[in-house]
C-alpha cells in the first residue's frame, strides 16, 4: 500500500458521498415544497451550508479511507 492509495480511496469516497449528500439535500427541499424530484429542480447549497456539507463529507471520506487502509493492511 502506498500513501496514494489512501488518497485514491478517500477521493472516490468523497465523490460518491458528496453526490449522495446533494441528492438528500435536494430531496429534503423538494419534499418540503411539494415539488417533483427532477434535474430541473436540482440546486446546490450556498455559503455556509455548502461548507458544512463539504466538511462532513470530507471527514467521513477520510475516516472511510483510514478504515479501508487499516483493514487492507491486516488482510
Protein backbone atom coordinates (compact mmCIF):
# COMPACT_ATOMS: atom_id res chain seq x y z
CA UNK A 1 0.00 0.00 0.00
CA UNK A 2 1.13 3.50 -0.74
CA UNK A 3 0.02 6.86 0.55
CA UNK A 4 -1.56 7.44 -2.85
CA UNK A 5 -3.91 4.52 -2.14
CA UNK A 6 -5.35 6.36 0.89
CA UNK A 7 -5.95 9.49 -1.20
CA UNK A 8 -7.49 7.50 -4.04
CA UNK A 9 -9.90 5.69 -1.72
CA UNK A 10 -10.74 8.89 0.15
CA UNK A 11 -11.23 10.84 -3.08
CA UNK A 12 -13.56 8.26 -4.62
CA UNK A 13 -15.46 8.01 -1.35
CA UNK A 14 -15.77 11.81 -1.22
CA UNK A 15 -17.18 11.94 -4.76
CA UNK A 16 -19.77 9.25 -4.01
CA UNK A 17 -20.73 10.62 -0.56
CA UNK A 18 -20.93 14.22 -1.78
CA UNK A 19 -23.20 13.20 -4.66
CA UNK A 20 -25.37 11.35 -2.17
CA UNK A 21 -25.41 14.38 0.15
CA UNK A 22 -26.55 16.63 -2.70
CA UNK A 23 -29.32 14.20 -3.59
CA UNK A 24 -30.51 14.10 0.04
CA UNK A 25 -30.27 17.90 0.29
CA UNK A 26 -32.42 18.35 -2.79
CA UNK A 27 -34.85 15.63 -1.80
CA UNK A 28 -35.50 17.36 1.53
CA UNK A 29 -36.01 20.76 -0.08
CA UNK A 30 -38.28 19.43 -2.82
CA UNK A 31 -40.34 17.34 -0.40
CA UNK A 32 -40.90 20.34 1.86
CA UNK A 33 -42.06 22.39 -1.16
CA UNK A 34 -44.17 19.54 -2.59
CA UNK A 35 -42.22 19.65 -5.86
CA UNK A 36 -41.25 16.66 -8.01
CA UNK A 37 -37.70 15.34 -7.78
CA UNK A 38 -36.11 16.11 -11.16
CA UNK A 39 -32.86 17.50 -12.54
CA UNK A 40 -34.60 20.75 -13.47
CA UNK A 41 -35.34 21.33 -9.75
CA UNK A 42 -31.84 20.35 -8.60
CA UNK A 43 -29.94 23.06 -6.67
CA UNK A 44 -26.62 23.40 -4.85
CA UNK A 45 -26.35 24.78 -1.34
CA UNK A 46 -24.57 28.11 -0.95
CA UNK A 47 -22.16 29.62 1.55
CA UNK A 48 -22.07 28.06 4.99
CA UNK A 49 -24.45 25.25 4.02
CA UNK A 50 -22.10 24.11 1.26
CA UNK A 51 -19.09 24.43 3.59
CA UNK A 52 -20.77 22.39 6.34
CA UNK A 53 -21.88 19.69 3.91
CA UNK A 54 -18.39 19.50 2.40
CA UNK A 55 -16.74 19.33 5.82
CA UNK A 56 -18.99 16.47 6.94
CA UNK A 57 -18.32 14.53 3.74
CA UNK A 58 -14.55 15.18 3.90
CA UNK A 59 -14.40 13.85 7.46
CA UNK A 60 -16.47 10.79 6.57
CA UNK A 61 -14.34 10.15 3.47
CA UNK A 62 -11.05 10.41 5.37
CA UNK A 63 -12.40 8.09 8.07
CA UNK A 64 -13.54 5.62 5.43
CA UNK A 65 -10.12 5.79 3.72
CA UNK A 66 -8.34 5.18 7.02
CA UNK A 67 -10.54 2.22 7.93
CA UNK A 68 -10.14 0.66 4.48
CA UNK A 69 -6.36 1.19 4.65
CA UNK A 70 -6.19 -0.44 8.10
CA UNK A 71 -8.32 -3.41 7.03
CA UNK A 72 -6.24 -3.98 3.88
CA UNK A 73 -3.03 -3.94 5.94
CA UNK A 74 -4.41 -6.63 8.26
CA UNK A 75 -5.69 -8.83 5.42
